[in-house]
N, C-alpha and C. Protein backbone atom coordinates (compact mmCIF):
# COMPACT_ATOMS: atom_id res chain seq x y z
N MET A 1 -75.05 -343.47 -34.81
CA MET A 1 -74.82 -342.36 -33.90
C MET A 1 -73.39 -341.89 -34.06
N LYS A 2 -73.18 -340.60 -34.21
CA LYS A 2 -71.84 -340.06 -34.40
C LYS A 2 -71.40 -339.30 -33.17
N ALA A 3 -70.10 -339.36 -32.88
CA ALA A 3 -69.56 -338.62 -31.74
C ALA A 3 -68.07 -338.49 -31.90
N PRO A 4 -67.43 -337.53 -31.18
CA PRO A 4 -65.98 -337.47 -31.22
C PRO A 4 -65.38 -338.64 -30.48
N HIS A 5 -64.23 -339.08 -30.93
CA HIS A 5 -63.36 -340.12 -30.35
C HIS A 5 -64.10 -341.21 -29.59
N PHE A 6 -63.65 -342.46 -29.78
CA PHE A 6 -64.38 -343.54 -29.16
C PHE A 6 -64.32 -343.51 -27.65
N LEU A 7 -63.39 -342.76 -27.06
CA LEU A 7 -63.35 -342.70 -25.61
C LEU A 7 -64.47 -341.85 -25.04
N ILE A 8 -65.25 -341.20 -25.92
CA ILE A 8 -66.47 -340.59 -25.39
C ILE A 8 -67.37 -341.66 -24.80
N LEU A 9 -67.16 -342.90 -25.27
CA LEU A 9 -67.95 -343.99 -24.73
C LEU A 9 -67.65 -344.24 -23.27
N LEU A 10 -66.43 -343.96 -22.86
CA LEU A 10 -66.18 -344.12 -21.44
C LEU A 10 -66.99 -343.07 -20.73
N GLY A 11 -66.92 -341.90 -21.32
CA GLY A 11 -67.75 -340.85 -20.78
C GLY A 11 -69.18 -341.30 -20.74
N ILE A 12 -69.60 -341.87 -21.83
CA ILE A 12 -70.97 -342.35 -21.92
C ILE A 12 -71.15 -343.51 -20.97
N ALA A 13 -70.17 -344.38 -20.96
CA ALA A 13 -70.30 -345.58 -20.19
C ALA A 13 -70.15 -345.35 -18.72
N LEU A 14 -69.18 -344.66 -18.33
CA LEU A 14 -68.90 -344.52 -16.91
C LEU A 14 -69.04 -343.10 -16.47
N PHE A 15 -71.56 -341.08 -16.23
CA PHE A 15 -72.96 -340.88 -16.21
C PHE A 15 -73.19 -339.45 -15.93
N ALA A 16 -76.03 -337.21 -17.02
CA ALA A 16 -77.23 -336.57 -16.92
C ALA A 16 -77.71 -336.77 -15.50
N HIS A 17 -78.11 -335.85 -14.99
CA HIS A 17 -78.51 -335.86 -13.60
C HIS A 17 -79.54 -336.95 -13.34
N SER A 18 -80.25 -337.34 -14.39
CA SER A 18 -81.14 -338.49 -14.28
C SER A 18 -81.32 -339.06 -15.66
N ALA A 19 -81.53 -340.37 -15.71
CA ALA A 19 -81.79 -341.01 -16.99
C ALA A 19 -83.24 -340.77 -17.37
N PRO A 20 -83.55 -340.88 -18.66
CA PRO A 20 -84.94 -340.71 -19.07
C PRO A 20 -85.87 -341.66 -18.32
N ALA A 21 -87.10 -341.20 -18.12
CA ALA A 21 -88.05 -341.97 -17.32
C ALA A 21 -88.31 -343.34 -17.90
N ALA A 22 -88.21 -343.50 -19.22
CA ALA A 22 -88.53 -344.78 -19.85
C ALA A 22 -87.44 -345.82 -19.67
N VAL A 23 -86.26 -345.41 -19.18
CA VAL A 23 -85.16 -346.34 -19.03
C VAL A 23 -85.46 -347.34 -17.92
N SER A 24 -85.36 -348.64 -18.24
CA SER A 24 -85.67 -349.65 -17.24
C SER A 24 -84.56 -350.65 -17.02
N GLY A 25 -83.65 -350.80 -17.96
CA GLY A 25 -82.60 -351.79 -17.82
C GLY A 25 -81.27 -351.26 -18.29
N PRO A 26 -80.22 -352.07 -18.16
CA PRO A 26 -78.87 -351.61 -18.50
C PRO A 26 -78.71 -351.22 -19.97
N ALA A 27 -79.27 -352.00 -20.90
CA ALA A 27 -79.12 -351.66 -22.32
C ALA A 27 -79.83 -350.36 -22.64
N GLU A 28 -81.01 -350.16 -22.08
CA GLU A 28 -81.77 -348.94 -22.33
C GLU A 28 -81.02 -347.73 -21.74
N LEU A 29 -80.41 -347.92 -20.58
CA LEU A 29 -79.67 -346.83 -19.96
C LEU A 29 -78.47 -346.43 -20.81
N VAL A 30 -77.68 -347.40 -21.23
CA VAL A 30 -76.50 -347.10 -22.06
C VAL A 30 -76.93 -346.40 -23.34
N ARG A 31 -77.97 -346.91 -23.98
CA ARG A 31 -78.45 -346.33 -25.24
C ARG A 31 -78.92 -344.88 -25.02
N ALA A 32 -79.66 -344.65 -23.95
CA ALA A 32 -80.18 -343.31 -23.68
C ALA A 32 -79.05 -342.31 -23.44
N ILE A 33 -78.04 -342.74 -22.70
CA ILE A 33 -76.93 -341.84 -22.40
C ILE A 33 -76.09 -341.57 -23.65
N VAL A 34 -75.83 -342.61 -24.43
CA VAL A 34 -75.08 -342.44 -25.68
C VAL A 34 -75.79 -341.42 -26.57
N GLU A 35 -77.08 -341.61 -26.75
CA GLU A 35 -77.83 -340.70 -27.63
C GLU A 35 -77.85 -339.28 -27.09
N LYS A 36 -77.99 -339.14 -25.78
CA LYS A 36 -78.06 -337.80 -25.19
C LYS A 36 -76.73 -337.07 -25.32
N VAL A 37 -75.64 -337.75 -24.97
CA VAL A 37 -74.33 -337.10 -25.02
C VAL A 37 -73.93 -336.78 -26.46
N ILE A 38 -74.15 -337.72 -27.36
CA ILE A 38 -73.80 -337.48 -28.76
C ILE A 38 -74.64 -336.34 -29.32
N GLY A 39 -75.92 -336.32 -28.98
CA GLY A 39 -76.79 -335.25 -29.45
C GLY A 39 -76.32 -333.89 -28.97
N GLN A 40 -75.95 -333.79 -27.69
CA GLN A 40 -75.48 -332.51 -27.16
C GLN A 40 -74.16 -332.10 -27.76
N THR A 41 -73.30 -333.08 -28.03
CA THR A 41 -72.01 -332.77 -28.65
C THR A 41 -72.22 -332.21 -30.05
N LYS A 42 -73.15 -332.76 -30.80
CA LYS A 42 -73.43 -332.26 -32.15
C LYS A 42 -74.00 -330.85 -32.12
N ILE A 43 -74.91 -330.59 -31.18
CA ILE A 43 -75.54 -329.27 -31.10
C ILE A 43 -74.51 -328.21 -30.72
N GLU A 44 -73.71 -328.52 -29.70
CA GLU A 44 -72.76 -327.53 -29.19
C GLU A 44 -71.55 -327.37 -30.10
N HIS A 45 -71.21 -328.46 -30.82
CA HIS A 45 -70.00 -328.44 -31.65
C HIS A 45 -70.31 -329.01 -33.03
N PRO A 46 -70.75 -328.18 -33.95
CA PRO A 46 -71.04 -328.67 -35.29
C PRO A 46 -69.77 -329.19 -35.97
N ALA A 47 -69.97 -329.98 -37.02
CA ALA A 47 -68.86 -330.59 -37.75
C ALA A 47 -67.84 -329.54 -38.16
N GLY A 48 -66.57 -329.90 -37.96
CA GLY A 48 -65.50 -329.00 -38.37
C GLY A 48 -65.07 -328.02 -37.30
N LYS A 49 -65.85 -327.87 -36.25
CA LYS A 49 -65.48 -326.95 -35.17
C LYS A 49 -64.68 -327.71 -34.11
N PRO A 50 -63.54 -327.18 -33.69
CA PRO A 50 -62.73 -327.88 -32.68
C PRO A 50 -63.50 -328.09 -31.38
N HIS A 51 -63.22 -329.19 -30.72
CA HIS A 51 -63.88 -329.49 -29.45
C HIS A 51 -63.09 -328.87 -28.31
N ASP A 52 -63.73 -328.01 -27.56
CA ASP A 52 -63.11 -327.32 -26.44
C ASP A 52 -63.00 -328.27 -25.25
N PRO A 53 -61.79 -328.51 -24.74
CA PRO A 53 -61.62 -329.44 -23.61
C PRO A 53 -62.45 -329.05 -22.39
N GLU A 54 -62.59 -327.75 -22.14
CA GLU A 54 -63.36 -327.31 -20.97
C GLU A 54 -64.85 -327.62 -21.16
N TYR A 55 -65.34 -327.45 -22.39
CA TYR A 55 -66.73 -327.81 -22.67
C TYR A 55 -66.94 -329.31 -22.46
N LEU A 56 -66.00 -330.12 -22.96
CA LEU A 56 -66.14 -331.57 -22.84
C LEU A 56 -66.04 -332.00 -21.38
N ARG A 57 -65.19 -331.33 -20.59
CA ARG A 57 -65.11 -331.64 -19.17
C ARG A 57 -66.45 -331.36 -18.49
N ALA A 58 -67.05 -330.22 -18.84
CA ALA A 58 -68.35 -329.87 -18.24
C ALA A 58 -69.43 -330.83 -18.70
N LEU A 59 -69.37 -331.24 -19.97
CA LEU A 59 -70.35 -332.20 -20.48
C LEU A 59 -70.22 -333.53 -19.77
N PHE A 60 -68.98 -334.00 -19.62
CA PHE A 60 -68.73 -335.26 -18.90
C PHE A 60 -69.25 -335.16 -17.48
N GLU A 61 -68.90 -334.06 -16.81
CA GLU A 61 -69.31 -333.87 -15.42
C GLU A 61 -70.83 -333.85 -15.28
N ARG A 62 -71.50 -333.16 -16.18
CA ARG A 62 -72.95 -332.98 -16.09
C ARG A 62 -73.73 -334.22 -16.52
N GLU A 63 -73.31 -334.83 -17.63
CA GLU A 63 -74.13 -335.87 -18.24
C GLU A 63 -73.65 -337.29 -17.97
N ILE A 64 -72.42 -337.46 -17.52
CA ILE A 64 -71.89 -338.80 -17.38
C ILE A 64 -71.54 -339.16 -15.94
N SER A 65 -70.84 -338.25 -15.26
CA SER A 65 -70.38 -338.55 -13.90
C SER A 65 -71.48 -339.05 -12.96
N PRO A 66 -72.69 -338.48 -12.99
CA PRO A 66 -73.72 -338.97 -12.07
C PRO A 66 -74.09 -340.44 -12.28
N HIS A 67 -73.72 -341.01 -13.42
CA HIS A 67 -74.07 -342.40 -13.70
C HIS A 67 -72.90 -343.36 -13.49
N LEU A 68 -71.75 -342.84 -13.09
CA LEU A 68 -70.57 -343.67 -12.86
C LEU A 68 -70.53 -344.14 -11.41
N ASP A 69 -70.18 -345.38 -11.24
CA ASP A 69 -70.03 -345.93 -9.89
C ASP A 69 -68.60 -345.69 -9.42
N PHE A 70 -68.33 -344.46 -9.00
CA PHE A 70 -66.97 -344.10 -8.59
C PHE A 70 -66.52 -344.87 -7.34
N ASP A 71 -67.47 -345.25 -6.49
CA ASP A 71 -67.10 -346.04 -5.30
C ASP A 71 -66.50 -347.39 -5.72
N SER A 72 -67.18 -348.08 -6.64
CA SER A 72 -66.67 -349.39 -7.09
C SER A 72 -65.34 -349.24 -7.82
N ILE A 73 -65.23 -348.20 -8.65
CA ILE A 73 -63.98 -347.97 -9.38
C ILE A 73 -62.84 -347.73 -8.40
N THR A 74 -63.10 -346.91 -7.37
CA THR A 74 -62.06 -346.58 -6.40
C THR A 74 -61.68 -347.79 -5.56
N ARG A 75 -62.67 -348.58 -5.14
CA ARG A 75 -62.38 -349.80 -4.38
C ARG A 75 -61.52 -350.76 -5.20
N TRP A 76 -61.81 -350.83 -6.49
CA TRP A 76 -61.05 -351.71 -7.39
C TRP A 76 -59.60 -351.23 -7.49
N VAL A 77 -59.42 -349.93 -7.65
CA VAL A 77 -58.06 -349.38 -7.76
C VAL A 77 -57.30 -349.58 -6.45
N ALA A 78 -57.97 -349.34 -5.32
CA ALA A 78 -57.30 -349.42 -4.01
C ALA A 78 -57.03 -350.84 -3.56
N GLY A 79 -57.82 -351.80 -4.04
CA GLY A 79 -57.61 -353.19 -3.64
C GLY A 79 -57.68 -353.37 -2.14
N ALA A 80 -56.72 -354.13 -1.60
CA ALA A 80 -56.72 -354.44 -0.17
C ALA A 80 -56.49 -353.20 0.69
N ARG A 81 -55.91 -352.14 0.12
CA ARG A 81 -55.66 -350.92 0.89
C ARG A 81 -56.95 -350.21 1.28
N TRP A 82 -58.04 -350.45 0.54
CA TRP A 82 -59.29 -349.73 0.78
C TRP A 82 -59.71 -349.81 2.25
N ASN A 83 -59.70 -351.01 2.82
CA ASN A 83 -60.17 -351.19 4.19
C ASN A 83 -59.19 -350.65 5.23
N GLN A 84 -57.99 -350.27 4.81
CA GLN A 84 -57.02 -349.70 5.73
C GLN A 84 -57.22 -348.20 5.92
N PHE A 85 -58.02 -347.60 5.02
CA PHE A 85 -58.27 -346.18 5.11
C PHE A 85 -59.49 -345.90 5.99
N ARG A 86 -59.42 -344.81 6.75
CA ARG A 86 -60.59 -344.37 7.51
C ARG A 86 -61.66 -343.86 6.54
N THR A 87 -62.89 -343.71 7.02
CA THR A 87 -64.00 -343.29 6.16
C THR A 87 -63.70 -341.96 5.48
N ALA A 88 -63.15 -341.01 6.22
CA ALA A 88 -62.84 -339.70 5.64
C ALA A 88 -61.78 -339.84 4.54
N GLU A 89 -60.82 -340.73 4.74
CA GLU A 89 -59.77 -340.95 3.74
C GLU A 89 -60.35 -341.61 2.49
N GLN A 90 -61.28 -342.54 2.69
CA GLN A 90 -61.92 -343.18 1.55
C GLN A 90 -62.65 -342.15 0.69
N LEU A 91 -63.31 -341.21 1.35
CA LEU A 91 -64.02 -340.16 0.62
C LEU A 91 -63.04 -339.29 -0.17
N VAL A 92 -61.92 -338.95 0.43
CA VAL A 92 -60.90 -338.16 -0.27
C VAL A 92 -60.41 -338.94 -1.48
N LEU A 93 -60.18 -340.23 -1.32
CA LEU A 93 -59.69 -341.06 -2.43
C LEU A 93 -60.72 -341.14 -3.56
N VAL A 94 -61.98 -341.33 -3.22
CA VAL A 94 -63.04 -341.38 -4.24
C VAL A 94 -63.08 -340.06 -5.00
N ASN A 95 -63.05 -338.94 -4.28
CA ASN A 95 -63.12 -337.63 -4.94
C ASN A 95 -61.88 -337.35 -5.78
N THR A 96 -60.72 -337.83 -5.33
CA THR A 96 -59.48 -337.65 -6.10
C THR A 96 -59.57 -338.40 -7.42
N LEU A 97 -60.01 -339.65 -7.38
CA LEU A 97 -60.12 -340.43 -8.61
C LEU A 97 -61.22 -339.91 -9.51
N ARG A 98 -62.29 -339.45 -8.92
CA ARG A 98 -63.39 -338.89 -9.70
C ARG A 98 -62.91 -337.69 -10.51
N ALA A 99 -62.20 -336.77 -9.86
CA ALA A 99 -61.68 -335.59 -10.55
C ALA A 99 -60.71 -335.98 -11.66
N HIS A 100 -59.88 -336.98 -11.38
CA HIS A 100 -58.91 -337.44 -12.38
C HIS A 100 -59.60 -338.02 -13.60
N VAL A 101 -60.59 -338.88 -13.38
CA VAL A 101 -61.30 -339.51 -14.49
C VAL A 101 -62.00 -338.46 -15.36
N VAL A 102 -62.63 -337.48 -14.72
CA VAL A 102 -63.31 -336.42 -15.47
C VAL A 102 -62.31 -335.65 -16.34
N ARG A 103 -61.18 -335.25 -15.76
CA ARG A 103 -60.18 -334.50 -16.53
C ARG A 103 -59.56 -335.36 -17.63
N LEU A 104 -59.25 -336.59 -17.30
CA LEU A 104 -58.58 -337.48 -18.24
C LEU A 104 -59.42 -337.72 -19.49
N TYR A 105 -60.67 -338.09 -19.29
CA TYR A 105 -61.48 -338.45 -20.44
C TYR A 105 -62.01 -337.24 -21.19
N ALA A 106 -62.16 -336.11 -20.53
CA ALA A 106 -62.53 -334.90 -21.26
C ALA A 106 -61.40 -334.51 -22.21
N SER A 107 -60.15 -334.64 -21.76
CA SER A 107 -59.03 -334.29 -22.64
C SER A 107 -58.89 -335.29 -23.77
N LEU A 108 -59.17 -336.56 -23.51
CA LEU A 108 -59.10 -337.57 -24.58
C LEU A 108 -60.19 -337.33 -25.62
N LEU A 109 -61.36 -336.96 -25.16
CA LEU A 109 -62.46 -336.72 -26.09
C LEU A 109 -62.14 -335.57 -27.03
N ALA A 110 -61.42 -334.59 -26.54
CA ALA A 110 -61.11 -333.42 -27.35
C ALA A 110 -60.21 -333.76 -28.52
N ARG A 111 -59.51 -334.90 -28.44
CA ARG A 111 -58.57 -335.28 -29.50
C ARG A 111 -59.18 -336.24 -30.51
N GLY A 112 -60.43 -336.60 -30.33
CA GLY A 112 -60.99 -337.70 -31.09
C GLY A 112 -61.51 -337.35 -32.47
N SER A 113 -61.93 -338.40 -33.15
CA SER A 113 -62.56 -338.26 -34.46
C SER A 113 -63.97 -338.82 -34.37
N GLU A 114 -64.75 -338.67 -35.42
CA GLU A 114 -66.12 -339.15 -35.37
C GLU A 114 -66.18 -340.67 -35.46
N VAL A 115 -67.17 -341.22 -34.79
CA VAL A 115 -67.35 -342.66 -34.78
C VAL A 115 -68.83 -342.99 -34.96
N ASN A 116 -69.10 -344.22 -35.35
CA ASN A 116 -70.45 -344.74 -35.42
C ASN A 116 -70.56 -345.84 -34.37
N VAL A 117 -71.57 -345.77 -33.51
CA VAL A 117 -71.74 -346.72 -32.42
C VAL A 117 -73.03 -347.51 -32.62
N GLU A 118 -72.91 -348.82 -32.62
CA GLU A 118 -74.07 -349.70 -32.68
C GLU A 118 -74.12 -350.52 -31.40
N LEU A 119 -75.23 -350.43 -30.66
CA LEU A 119 -75.37 -351.17 -29.41
C LEU A 119 -76.30 -352.36 -29.59
N LYS A 120 -75.98 -353.46 -28.92
CA LYS A 120 -76.84 -354.64 -28.91
C LYS A 120 -77.70 -354.62 -27.66
N GLU A 121 -78.61 -355.56 -27.59
CA GLU A 121 -79.37 -355.72 -26.35
C GLU A 121 -78.43 -356.26 -25.28
N CYS A 122 -78.85 -356.20 -24.03
CA CYS A 122 -78.02 -356.68 -22.93
C CYS A 122 -77.70 -358.16 -23.14
N THR A 123 -76.41 -358.49 -23.15
CA THR A 123 -76.01 -359.87 -23.42
C THR A 123 -75.74 -360.68 -22.15
N HIS A 124 -75.73 -359.99 -21.02
CA HIS A 124 -75.46 -360.67 -19.75
C HIS A 124 -76.10 -359.83 -18.65
N ASN A 125 -76.97 -360.44 -17.85
CA ASN A 125 -77.62 -359.71 -16.77
C ASN A 125 -77.97 -360.68 -15.66
N THR A 126 -77.26 -360.57 -14.54
CA THR A 126 -77.52 -361.43 -13.39
C THR A 126 -78.48 -360.78 -12.40
N GLY A 127 -78.85 -359.52 -12.67
CA GLY A 127 -79.63 -358.75 -11.72
C GLY A 127 -78.74 -357.88 -10.86
N ARG A 128 -77.52 -358.33 -10.62
CA ARG A 128 -76.53 -357.54 -9.85
C ARG A 128 -75.50 -356.90 -10.78
N SER A 129 -75.15 -357.58 -11.85
CA SER A 129 -74.21 -357.03 -12.82
C SER A 129 -74.75 -357.30 -14.22
N ALA A 130 -74.27 -356.50 -15.17
CA ALA A 130 -74.75 -356.64 -16.55
C ALA A 130 -73.66 -356.17 -17.51
N ARG A 131 -73.80 -356.62 -18.74
CA ARG A 131 -72.88 -356.21 -19.80
C ARG A 131 -73.69 -355.90 -21.05
N VAL A 132 -73.36 -354.78 -21.68
CA VAL A 132 -73.99 -354.40 -22.94
C VAL A 132 -72.89 -354.32 -24.00
N ASP A 133 -73.00 -355.12 -25.03
CA ASP A 133 -72.00 -355.17 -26.09
C ASP A 133 -72.37 -354.23 -27.22
N GLY A 134 -71.37 -353.86 -27.98
CA GLY A 134 -71.61 -353.01 -29.12
C GLY A 134 -70.42 -353.01 -30.06
N THR A 135 -70.56 -352.26 -31.13
CA THR A 135 -69.49 -352.11 -32.11
C THR A 135 -69.28 -350.63 -32.37
N LEU A 136 -68.03 -350.25 -32.44
CA LEU A 136 -67.66 -348.88 -32.72
C LEU A 136 -66.88 -348.85 -34.02
N GLU A 137 -67.30 -348.00 -34.95
CA GLU A 137 -66.60 -347.88 -36.22
C GLU A 137 -66.15 -346.43 -36.40
N THR A 138 -64.86 -346.24 -36.67
CA THR A 138 -64.34 -344.90 -36.87
C THR A 138 -64.66 -344.43 -38.28
N ASP A 139 -64.48 -343.12 -38.50
CA ASP A 139 -64.75 -342.59 -39.82
C ASP A 139 -63.74 -343.11 -40.84
N GLY A 140 -62.65 -343.75 -40.37
CA GLY A 140 -61.68 -344.36 -41.28
C GLY A 140 -61.99 -345.81 -41.58
N GLY A 141 -63.09 -346.33 -41.04
CA GLY A 141 -63.51 -347.70 -41.33
C GLY A 141 -63.02 -348.75 -40.35
N LYS A 142 -62.27 -348.36 -39.32
CA LYS A 142 -61.81 -349.33 -38.33
C LYS A 142 -62.94 -349.67 -37.38
N LYS A 143 -63.02 -350.97 -37.01
CA LYS A 143 -64.09 -351.41 -36.11
C LYS A 143 -63.49 -351.94 -34.82
N PHE A 144 -64.19 -351.65 -33.72
CA PHE A 144 -63.76 -352.09 -32.40
C PHE A 144 -64.96 -352.70 -31.68
N ALA A 145 -64.73 -353.80 -30.98
CA ALA A 145 -65.76 -354.36 -30.10
C ALA A 145 -65.72 -353.60 -28.79
N VAL A 146 -66.88 -353.18 -28.30
CA VAL A 146 -66.95 -352.47 -27.02
C VAL A 146 -67.91 -353.19 -26.09
N GLN A 147 -67.59 -353.13 -24.81
CA GLN A 147 -68.44 -353.71 -23.78
C GLN A 147 -68.61 -352.70 -22.65
N PHE A 148 -69.85 -352.38 -22.35
CA PHE A 148 -70.19 -351.53 -21.21
C PHE A 148 -70.52 -352.46 -20.05
N ARG A 149 -69.86 -352.28 -18.92
CA ARG A 149 -70.08 -353.15 -17.77
C ARG A 149 -70.73 -352.35 -16.65
N LEU A 150 -71.82 -352.88 -16.13
CA LEU A 150 -72.63 -352.15 -15.15
C LEU A 150 -72.85 -352.97 -13.90
N VAL A 151 -73.16 -352.27 -12.80
CA VAL A 151 -73.59 -352.91 -11.56
C VAL A 151 -74.90 -352.29 -11.12
N ASN A 152 -75.69 -353.06 -10.40
CA ASN A 152 -76.97 -352.61 -9.88
C ASN A 152 -76.79 -352.23 -8.42
N ASN A 153 -76.89 -350.93 -8.13
CA ASN A 153 -76.75 -350.44 -6.76
C ASN A 153 -78.12 -349.99 -6.25
N GLY A 154 -78.74 -350.84 -5.46
CA GLY A 154 -80.04 -350.49 -4.89
C GLY A 154 -81.11 -350.22 -5.92
N GLY A 155 -81.09 -350.97 -7.02
CA GLY A 155 -82.09 -350.80 -8.07
C GLY A 155 -81.70 -349.78 -9.13
N VAL A 156 -80.52 -349.19 -9.01
CA VAL A 156 -80.05 -348.20 -9.98
C VAL A 156 -78.84 -348.78 -10.72
N TRP A 157 -78.95 -348.86 -12.03
CA TRP A 157 -77.82 -349.35 -12.82
C TRP A 157 -76.80 -348.24 -13.00
N GLN A 158 -75.53 -348.60 -12.76
CA GLN A 158 -74.42 -347.67 -12.95
C GLN A 158 -73.29 -348.37 -13.68
N LEU A 159 -72.59 -347.60 -14.51
CA LEU A 159 -71.45 -348.15 -15.23
C LEU A 159 -70.18 -348.03 -14.40
N TYR A 160 -69.35 -349.08 -14.48
CA TYR A 160 -68.09 -349.03 -13.77
C TYR A 160 -66.91 -349.36 -14.68
N ASP A 161 -67.16 -349.84 -15.90
CA ASP A 161 -66.04 -350.16 -16.78
C ASP A 161 -66.48 -350.17 -18.23
N LEU A 162 -65.52 -349.92 -19.09
CA LEU A 162 -65.70 -350.02 -20.53
C LEU A 162 -64.50 -350.78 -21.07
N ALA A 163 -64.75 -351.78 -21.88
CA ALA A 163 -63.67 -352.52 -22.54
C ALA A 163 -63.75 -352.26 -24.04
N VAL A 164 -62.61 -351.95 -24.63
CA VAL A 164 -62.51 -351.72 -26.06
C VAL A 164 -61.57 -352.78 -26.63
N ASP A 165 -62.11 -353.64 -27.50
CA ASP A 165 -61.35 -354.78 -28.04
C ASP A 165 -60.70 -355.58 -26.92
N GLY A 166 -61.45 -355.78 -25.85
CA GLY A 166 -60.98 -356.62 -24.74
C GLY A 166 -60.11 -355.92 -23.73
N VAL A 167 -59.77 -354.67 -23.96
CA VAL A 167 -58.92 -353.92 -23.02
C VAL A 167 -59.81 -353.15 -22.06
N SER A 168 -59.76 -353.54 -20.79
CA SER A 168 -60.58 -352.92 -19.76
C SER A 168 -59.96 -351.61 -19.30
N LEU A 169 -60.72 -350.53 -19.36
CA LEU A 169 -60.22 -349.24 -18.92
C LEU A 169 -60.10 -349.17 -17.40
N ALA A 170 -60.96 -349.88 -16.68
CA ALA A 170 -60.84 -349.92 -15.22
C ALA A 170 -59.56 -350.64 -14.82
N ARG A 171 -59.24 -351.73 -15.51
CA ARG A 171 -58.00 -352.46 -15.21
C ARG A 171 -56.78 -351.62 -15.54
N ALA A 172 -56.85 -350.87 -16.64
CA ALA A 172 -55.73 -350.00 -17.01
C ALA A 172 -55.52 -348.92 -15.97
N LEU A 173 -56.63 -348.38 -15.45
CA LEU A 173 -56.55 -347.36 -14.41
C LEU A 173 -55.91 -347.95 -13.15
N ARG A 174 -56.30 -349.16 -12.79
CA ARG A 174 -55.73 -349.79 -11.59
C ARG A 174 -54.25 -350.07 -11.78
N ALA A 175 -53.87 -350.57 -12.95
CA ALA A 175 -52.45 -350.86 -13.20
C ALA A 175 -51.60 -349.61 -13.09
N ASP A 176 -52.15 -348.48 -13.48
CA ASP A 176 -51.42 -347.21 -13.43
C ASP A 176 -51.34 -346.66 -12.01
N LEU A 177 -52.45 -346.70 -11.28
CA LEU A 177 -52.53 -345.97 -10.02
C LEU A 177 -52.26 -346.81 -8.77
N TRP A 178 -52.52 -348.10 -8.82
CA TRP A 178 -52.34 -348.94 -7.63
C TRP A 178 -50.92 -348.91 -7.09
N PRO A 179 -49.88 -349.02 -7.92
CA PRO A 179 -48.52 -348.97 -7.36
C PRO A 179 -48.21 -347.66 -6.63
N VAL A 180 -48.73 -346.56 -7.14
CA VAL A 180 -48.50 -345.26 -6.50
C VAL A 180 -49.22 -345.22 -5.15
N LEU A 181 -50.46 -345.69 -5.13
CA LEU A 181 -51.24 -345.69 -3.89
C LEU A 181 -50.60 -346.61 -2.86
N ARG A 182 -50.11 -347.75 -3.30
CA ARG A 182 -49.48 -348.72 -2.39
C ARG A 182 -48.22 -348.14 -1.76
N GLU A 183 -47.42 -347.47 -2.56
CA GLU A 183 -46.13 -346.97 -2.08
C GLU A 183 -46.22 -345.62 -1.37
N SER A 184 -47.14 -344.76 -1.83
CA SER A 184 -47.13 -343.37 -1.35
C SER A 184 -48.41 -342.93 -0.68
N GLY A 185 -49.42 -343.78 -0.64
CA GLY A 185 -50.67 -343.43 0.02
C GLY A 185 -51.47 -342.40 -0.77
N ILE A 186 -52.52 -341.86 -0.14
CA ILE A 186 -53.44 -340.95 -0.81
C ILE A 186 -52.74 -339.65 -1.20
N GLU A 187 -51.94 -339.09 -0.30
CA GLU A 187 -51.26 -337.83 -0.61
C GLU A 187 -50.29 -338.01 -1.78
N GLY A 188 -49.60 -339.15 -1.80
CA GLY A 188 -48.70 -339.42 -2.92
C GLY A 188 -49.45 -339.57 -4.22
N LEU A 189 -50.62 -340.19 -4.15
CA LEU A 189 -51.44 -340.34 -5.35
C LEU A 189 -51.92 -338.98 -5.84
N LYS A 190 -52.34 -338.12 -4.91
CA LYS A 190 -52.78 -336.78 -5.29
C LYS A 190 -51.64 -336.00 -5.97
N ASP A 191 -50.44 -336.13 -5.43
CA ASP A 191 -49.27 -335.46 -6.04
C ASP A 191 -49.00 -336.02 -7.44
N TYR A 192 -49.09 -337.32 -7.56
CA TYR A 192 -48.83 -338.00 -8.84
C TYR A 192 -49.83 -337.54 -9.90
N LEU A 193 -51.10 -337.53 -9.53
CA LEU A 193 -52.13 -337.10 -10.48
C LEU A 193 -52.04 -335.61 -10.76
N GLY A 194 -51.70 -334.82 -9.74
CA GLY A 194 -51.56 -333.38 -9.94
C GLY A 194 -50.48 -333.05 -10.94
N ALA A 195 -49.40 -333.82 -10.90
CA ALA A 195 -48.30 -333.58 -11.84
C ALA A 195 -48.67 -333.97 -13.25
N ARG A 196 -49.60 -334.92 -13.41
CA ARG A 196 -49.99 -335.38 -14.74
C ARG A 196 -51.18 -334.62 -15.28
N ASP A 197 -52.12 -334.24 -14.43
CA ASP A 197 -53.32 -333.55 -14.89
C ASP A 197 -52.99 -332.08 -15.09
């Protein structure tokens, strides 16, 4: 399977308004989304044509965001501060991080090169959490180990993290944003992200 930049996998990993009807488990879900997003990228952007960041943002929003567990991602970033926020504030924080993730990864995808993705069957599944391993090879021959990490929310599998060669993108997001949230609260975080996005 070919696609621009390996960070499209985050897009892939962390969600099409619905997964195909035949999808029953975490490995099938990841595979279906990877194939769908890569297929649409090829159709909309043939080889050699630059990838439009706005198109990729819309693709991420349409085909990937609905499958991301933004609540779990936000709780992870907020840590102990999460329970200190009122319900309305929690919603603002979730929406703030959601918008940031969509913009961030759409822009990263626009800079990428083609890759080949091979997915394995689910290597870990407790019923509540699961991991799907794979290998990503760039067009230059470099190989990376990738892990899609999912949680089961009420019978629906959702992705909350992607690790590339052992580097967790959720952990990287927390390391970047937690200090700002701790020191400046939600409004400070919004200002921080606004200045960067």
